[in-house]
Amino acid sequence: MSRIEPTPRLRRYSAFGLRIEADLALPELEPDMGSGPPDLRIRLGSAPSILDAEAPAAFRFQEDEALLSWRDVGDFRILGRDLIIYQPRAGVDEALVSLPLLGPVMGVLLERRGLLTLHGSAVELSAGVAVFLGDKGAGKSTTAAALVRAGKTLLTDDIVAVDCRGAPRLYPAYPQVKLTEEASASIAVDGEAMARPHPAFEKRRLRLDAPFDPAPREPKAALVLERGAAFALHPLRGAATLTALIRFSYATRFGRDLISGRSAADHLRQCAALSQKISVCRMVVPNDLGALAQLPDWLESQISRLDADAST
């Protein structure tokens, strides 16, 4: 039997500009104190498994629903724009269900609500909001944590959700950062260590103590991280700005199954619109974690020089 209660009480949360009503505990999220109807409902129910004999995960996307299955977690069904149904494997608890639920499942849901999602972190600096993109191990969360330690505001870590209509608006997610053991030992941020959802989960999850403001922000720069000897910022020009946003958009992890036909055209339009409204740069971060103490002042000065309207 699942370790999730069959009829738990409903809880209200907010994230990504949405009022969320869920029948499982999601301690990562901020509580919603409003009284209006929810934008998104999350319910325990029946969701078909689409796994084949050996695959650890499988995904299927149709116009009116999306199915996502993980062998070690469970099955998820997205209906329309406002309902997620989850069916966990026997013995799986809420902490493990929340990993794909607040990651890939939420990413697909946000795409279906018309937002562009990027795989990265975002921090509000005095000079503007910086979005950190990059390959696995590039240091997105580590860079964000180093800035948080210096008093900057974390907006999201994993999914960056942006409305590209008109002036771009980034919707904050929730005050949690995930760090490797090495980064966690080197960068002390004020927060509560959350329980490890599974022994194989390598990163530490920290729920930050600082007040969290869910108001949307206008992003100023997207910074593609790479490791190197010293800090450096190199603006990208022309088609390279669009290429970077497409490459690190959250939807591309699902390939053509998610973005095809009309959705592919919409995705391209969103990336193109954002590339024209913010600065996109390549940012070199030192391999030495000790050098991150110099990051906040250096990055503030670099971001303050960027013209957010110049992308070519």
Protein backbone atom coordinates (compact mmCIF):
# COMPACT_ATOMS: atom_id res chain seq x y z
CA MET A 1 0.00 0.00 0.00
CA SER A 2 1.08 3.57 -0.59
CA ARG A 3 2.25 5.49 2.45
CA ILE A 4 0.14 8.46 1.37
CA GLU A 5 -3.20 8.81 3.16
CA PRO A 6 -6.14 7.79 0.94
CA THR A 7 -8.20 10.82 1.97
CA PRO A 8 -5.82 13.52 3.27
CA ARG A 9 -6.93 17.07 3.91
CA LEU A 10 -6.53 19.66 1.20
CA ARG A 11 -3.66 22.13 1.53
CA ARG A 12 -3.18 25.48 -0.20
CA TYR A 13 0.16 26.62 -1.61
CA SER A 14 1.52 29.19 -4.05
CA ALA A 15 4.30 28.81 -6.61
CA PHE A 16 5.02 30.10 -10.12
CA GLY A 17 2.22 32.63 -9.83
CA LEU A 18 -0.33 29.86 -9.19
CA ARG A 19 -2.67 29.13 -6.32
CA ILE A 20 -2.24 25.40 -5.77
CA GLU A 21 -4.60 23.08 -3.92
CA ALA A 22 -3.05 19.68 -3.11
CA ASP A 23 -4.04 16.61 -1.13
CA LEU A 24 -0.44 15.85 -0.18
CA ALA A 25 2.07 17.81 1.87
CA LEU A 26 4.49 19.91 -0.20
CA PRO A 27 6.70 21.56 2.45
CA GLU A 28 8.93 23.01 -0.26
CA LEU A 29 6.17 25.44 -1.24
CA GLU A 30 4.93 28.61 0.39
CA PRO A 31 1.44 28.48 1.94
CA ASP A 32 -1.32 30.36 0.13
CA MET A 33 -3.37 32.46 2.52
CA GLY A 34 -5.83 33.66 -0.12
CA SER A 35 -9.43 32.57 -0.41
CA GLY A 36 -9.86 32.53 -4.18
CA PRO A 37 -10.31 29.37 -6.27
CA PRO A 38 -7.14 27.39 -7.06
CA ASP A 39 -5.40 27.70 -10.41
CA LEU A 40 -4.05 24.17 -10.09
CA ARG A 41 -5.38 21.09 -8.28
CA ILE A 42 -3.12 18.14 -7.38
CA ARG A 43 -4.95 14.93 -6.47
CA LEU A 44 -4.22 11.31 -5.64
CA GLY A 45 -6.03 9.14 -8.18
CA SER A 46 -5.71 6.79 -11.11
CA ALA A 47 -2.98 7.53 -13.62
CA PRO A 48 -2.00 4.95 -16.25
CA SER A 49 1.55 3.63 -16.35
CA ILE A 50 3.18 3.93 -19.77
CA LEU A 51 6.43 2.20 -18.86
CA ASP A 52 7.76 -0.57 -21.04
CA ALA A 53 9.60 -3.57 -19.63
CA GLU A 54 12.96 -1.90 -18.94
CA ALA A 55 12.71 1.90 -19.14
CA PRO A 56 13.14 3.79 -15.84
CA ALA A 57 10.82 6.54 -17.10
CA ALA A 58 8.42 7.25 -19.96
CA PHE A 59 6.47 10.26 -21.23
CA ARG A 60 3.54 10.72 -23.60
CA PHE A 61 2.08 14.06 -24.64
CA GLN A 62 -1.25 14.71 -26.31
CA GLU A 63 -3.20 17.90 -26.87
CA ASP A 64 -5.53 17.49 -23.88
CA GLU A 65 -3.39 15.40 -21.51
CA ALA A 66 0.16 14.40 -20.63
CA LEU A 67 1.32 11.14 -19.03
CA LEU A 68 4.61 10.80 -17.15
CA SER A 69 5.78 7.61 -15.42
CA TRP A 70 8.78 6.77 -13.23
CA ARG A 71 9.42 3.17 -12.27
CA ASP A 72 10.63 3.98 -8.74
CA VAL A 73 8.10 6.75 -7.99
CA GLY A 74 4.77 6.42 -9.77
CA ASP A 75 2.58 7.75 -12.55
CA PHE A 76 1.34 11.27 -13.23
CA ARG A 77 -1.43 12.55 -15.47
CA ILE A 78 -1.88 16.19 -16.46
CA LEU A 79 -5.38 17.08 -17.64
CA GLY A 80 -5.86 20.44 -19.32
CA ARG A 81 -4.17 23.37 -17.59
CA ASP A 82 -5.35 22.95 -14.02
CA LEU A 83 -5.27 19.31 -12.82
CA ILE A 84 -2.44 16.91 -11.96
CA ILE A 85 -3.32 13.37 -10.88
CA TYR A 86 -0.62 11.24 -9.24
CA GLN A 87 -0.55 7.54 -8.42
CA PRO A 88 2.52 6.50 -6.40
CA ARG A 89 4.07 3.06 -6.32
CA ALA A 90 3.37 0.96 -3.24
CA GLY A 91 5.39 2.18 -0.26
CA VAL A 92 6.44 5.47 -1.84
CA ASP A 93 5.95 8.48 0.43
CA GLU A 94 5.17 12.10 -0.27
CA ALA A 95 8.76 13.35 -0.15
CA LEU A 96 9.73 11.19 -3.13
CA VAL A 97 6.55 11.98 -5.07
CA SER A 98 7.32 15.70 -4.77
CA LEU A 99 10.60 15.38 -6.70
CA PRO A 100 9.11 14.70 -10.15
CA LEU A 101 5.88 16.49 -9.24
CA LEU A 102 7.62 19.83 -8.60
CA GLY A 103 10.20 19.16 -11.35
CA PRO A 104 9.33 17.66 -14.76
CA VAL A 105 5.59 17.36 -14.11
CA MET A 106 5.30 20.99 -13.04
CA GLY A 107 7.51 22.02 -15.95
CA VAL A 108 5.13 20.41 -18.44
CA LEU A 109 2.11 21.94 -16.69
CA LEU A 110 3.63 25.43 -16.86
CA GLU A 111 4.42 24.99 -20.55
CA ARG A 112 0.77 24.05 -21.12
CA ARG A 113 -0.25 27.23 -19.35
CA GLY A 114 1.69 29.26 -21.91
CA LEU A 115 4.89 29.98 -19.98
CA LEU A 116 8.43 29.49 -21.25
CA THR A 117 10.34 27.29 -18.81
CA LEU A 118 14.12 27.27 -18.56
CA HIS A 119 16.23 24.75 -16.67
CA GLY A 120 18.22 26.89 -14.26
CA SER A 121 18.20 29.15 -11.23
CA ALA A 122 17.30 32.81 -10.80
CA VAL A 123 18.47 35.36 -8.24
CA GLU A 124 17.43 38.97 -7.71
CA LEU A 125 20.43 41.29 -7.48
CA SER A 126 20.45 45.02 -6.83
CA ALA A 127 21.28 45.47 -10.54
CA GLY A 128 18.48 43.20 -11.78
CA VAL A 129 17.36 39.60 -11.97
CA ALA A 130 19.95 37.13 -13.25
CA VAL A 131 18.99 33.71 -14.62
CA PHE A 132 21.69 31.03 -14.49
CA LEU A 133 21.64 28.33 -17.16
CA GLY A 134 24.08 25.54 -17.94
CA ASP A 135 24.77 21.86 -18.32
CA LYS A 136 24.61 19.48 -15.38
CA GLY A 137 27.48 20.28 -13.01
CA ALA A 138 27.98 23.80 -14.36
CA GLY A 139 27.15 25.26 -10.95
CA LYS A 140 23.70 26.82 -11.33
CA SER A 141 22.55 26.06 -7.79
CA THR A 142 26.01 26.64 -6.31
CA THR A 143 26.22 30.08 -7.93
CA ALA A 144 22.74 30.94 -6.68
CA ALA A 145 23.60 29.79 -3.15
CA ALA A 146 26.77 31.92 -3.09
CA LEU A 147 24.67 34.96 -3.93
CA VAL A 148 22.03 34.07 -1.33
CA ARG A 149 24.79 33.86 1.28
CA ALA A 150 25.65 37.46 0.39
CA GLY A 151 22.08 38.60 0.98
CA LYS A 152 20.65 38.33 -2.53
CA THR A 153 17.18 36.89 -3.10
CA LEU A 154 16.63 33.43 -4.55
CA LEU A 155 13.64 33.33 -6.89
CA THR A 156 13.85 29.74 -8.13
CA ASP A 157 16.19 26.78 -8.37
CA ASP A 158 15.45 24.24 -11.15
CA ILE A 159 12.52 25.65 -13.14
CA VAL A 160 12.59 29.26 -14.33
CA ALA A 161 9.08 30.16 -15.53
CA VAL A 162 8.77 33.26 -17.72
CA ASP A 163 5.78 34.89 -19.38
CA CYS A 164 7.21 36.31 -22.62
CA ARG A 165 4.16 38.32 -23.66
CA GLY A 166 5.01 42.00 -23.49
CA ALA A 167 7.70 42.81 -20.96
CA PRO A 168 8.98 39.42 -19.71
CA ARG A 169 7.84 38.41 -16.23
CA LEU A 170 9.59 35.73 -14.19
CA TYR A 171 7.37 33.96 -11.65
CA PRO A 172 9.21 32.95 -8.46
CA ALA A 173 8.89 29.31 -7.43
CA TYR A 174 9.72 28.58 -3.78
CA PRO A 175 12.64 29.20 -1.37
CA GLN A 176 14.61 25.98 -1.79
CA VAL A 177 18.08 25.30 -3.16
CA LYS A 178 19.64 21.91 -3.89
CA LEU A 179 23.39 21.60 -3.32
CA THR A 180 26.02 18.89 -3.56
CA GLU A 181 27.66 17.86 -0.29
CA GLU A 182 30.84 19.71 -1.33
CA ALA A 183 28.99 22.92 -2.16
CA SER A 184 26.86 22.69 0.98
CA ALA A 185 29.97 22.36 3.14
CA SER A 186 31.63 25.33 1.44
CA ILE A 187 28.66 27.70 1.19
CA ALA A 188 26.80 28.23 4.46
CA VAL A 189 23.31 29.57 3.82
CA ASP A 190 20.64 30.06 6.45
CA GLY A 191 18.02 27.38 5.98
CA GLU A 192 16.49 24.15 7.16
CA ALA A 193 17.87 20.91 5.77
CA MET A 194 14.99 18.85 4.40
CA ALA A 195 14.87 15.07 4.69
CA ARG A 196 16.59 13.16 1.90
CA PRO A 197 13.69 11.75 -0.16
CA HIS A 198 15.64 8.68 -1.27
CA PRO A 199 19.08 7.23 -0.39
CA ALA A 200 20.16 7.61 -4.01
CA PHE A 201 19.32 11.33 -4.08
CA GLU A 202 22.74 12.97 -4.01
CA LYS A 203 22.00 16.63 -3.29
CA ARG A 204 21.02 18.29 -0.03
CA ARG A 205 17.79 20.29 -0.09
CA LEU A 206 17.79 23.49 1.95
CA ARG A 207 14.64 25.51 2.60
CA LEU A 208 15.84 29.07 3.03
CA ASP A 209 14.96 31.16 6.07
CA ALA A 210 14.74 34.51 4.28
CA PRO A 211 11.26 35.95 3.53
CA PHE A 212 10.01 34.93 0.09
CA ASP A 213 8.21 37.40 -2.17
CA PRO A 214 6.14 35.67 -4.91
CA ALA A 215 5.64 38.85 -6.94
CA PRO A 216 6.77 38.48 -10.59
CA ARG A 217 10.03 40.16 -11.60
CA GLU A 218 11.41 41.30 -14.94
CA PRO A 219 14.57 39.32 -15.79
CA LYS A 220 17.55 41.32 -16.98
CA ALA A 221 20.08 38.68 -18.06
CA ALA A 222 20.40 34.98 -18.81
CA LEU A 223 23.90 33.73 -18.03
CA VAL A 224 25.13 30.42 -19.45
CA LEU A 225 27.62 29.03 -16.92
CA GLU A 226 30.84 27.21 -17.63
CA ARG A 227 33.84 26.37 -15.47
CA GLY A 228 37.16 28.15 -15.87
CA ALA A 229 40.12 29.77 -14.16
CA ALA A 230 38.61 33.19 -13.38
CA PHE A 231 35.33 35.11 -13.50
CA ALA A 232 34.45 36.42 -16.94
CA LEU A 233 31.30 37.59 -18.74
CA HIS A 234 31.01 37.43 -22.54
CA PRO A 235 27.82 38.78 -24.17
CA LEU A 236 26.35 36.56 -26.88
CA ARG A 237 25.18 38.11 -30.13
CA GLY A 238 22.74 37.34 -32.90
CA ALA A 239 21.52 33.77 -33.30
CA ALA A 240 23.70 32.59 -30.40
CA THR A 241 21.30 34.21 -27.92
CA LEU A 242 18.32 32.29 -29.29
CA THR A 243 20.30 29.06 -29.49
CA ALA A 244 21.27 29.31 -25.82
CA LEU A 245 17.69 29.81 -24.64
CA ILE A 246 16.40 26.93 -26.77
CA ARG A 247 19.17 24.61 -25.60
CA PHE A 248 18.51 25.24 -21.93
CA SER A 249 14.72 25.46 -22.07
CA TYR A 250 13.08 22.94 -19.78
CA ALA A 251 10.92 21.50 -22.54
CA THR A 252 13.86 20.32 -24.64
CA ARG A 253 14.65 17.58 -22.09
CA PHE A 254 11.59 15.78 -23.50
CA GLY A 255 12.67 16.28 -27.13
CA ARG A 256 10.20 16.43 -29.97
CA ASP A 257 7.57 14.51 -28.01
CA LEU A 258 6.67 17.66 -26.06
CA ILE A 259 7.51 20.43 -28.53
CA SER A 260 6.15 19.56 -31.94
CA GLY A 261 3.67 21.11 -34.33
CA ARG A 262 1.96 24.19 -32.92
CA SER A 263 3.72 23.85 -29.55
CA ALA A 264 7.10 23.89 -31.32
CA ALA A 265 6.21 27.13 -33.09
CA ASP A 266 4.99 28.67 -29.82
CA HIS A 267 8.18 27.57 -28.05
CA LEU A 268 10.38 29.11 -30.74
CA ARG A 269 8.40 32.36 -30.59
CA GLN A 270 8.79 32.55 -26.82
CA CYS A 271 12.54 31.94 -26.94
CA ALA A 272 12.94 34.50 -29.73
CA ALA A 273 10.90 37.09 -27.84
CA LEU A 274 12.93 36.64 -24.66
CA SER A 275 16.25 36.75 -26.53
CA GLN A 276 15.30 40.19 -27.84
CA LYS A 277 14.32 41.59 -24.43
CA ILE A 278 17.14 40.48 -22.12
CA SER A 279 20.90 40.16 -22.32
CA VAL A 280 22.25 36.66 -22.88
CA CYS A 281 25.86 36.02 -21.89
CA ARG A 282 28.39 33.28 -21.35
CA MET A 283 29.63 33.44 -17.77
CA VAL A 284 32.82 31.74 -16.60
CA VAL A 285 32.85 30.65 -12.95
CA PRO A 286 36.09 29.51 -11.25
CA ASN A 287 36.45 25.85 -10.36
CA ASP A 288 37.63 26.88 -6.90
CA LEU A 289 34.60 27.16 -4.61
CA GLY A 290 36.56 29.52 -2.38
CA ALA A 291 36.56 32.10 -5.17
CA LEU A 292 32.78 32.44 -4.92
CA ALA A 293 33.24 34.92 -2.08
CA GLN A 294 34.11 37.50 -4.76
CA LEU A 295 31.10 36.62 -6.92
CA PRO A 296 28.42 39.00 -5.54
CA ASP A 297 30.34 42.27 -5.98
CA TRP A 298 31.78 41.20 -9.33
CA LEU A 299 28.43 40.11 -10.74
CA GLU A 300 26.61 43.21 -9.50
CA SER A 301 29.10 45.38 -11.39
CA GLN A 302 28.80 43.26 -14.52
CA ILE A 303 25.00 43.17 -14.54
CA SER A 304 24.76 46.91 -13.94
CA ARG A 305 26.64 47.47 -17.21
CA LEU A 306 24.37 45.32 -19.32
CA ASP A 307 21.74 46.91 -21.50
CA ALA A 308 18.73 44.60 -21.12
CA ASP A 309 17.37 45.69 -24.48
CA ALA A 310 20.52 44.90 -26.49
CA SER A 311 20.58 41.31 -27.73
CA THR A 312 22.24 41.81 -31.11
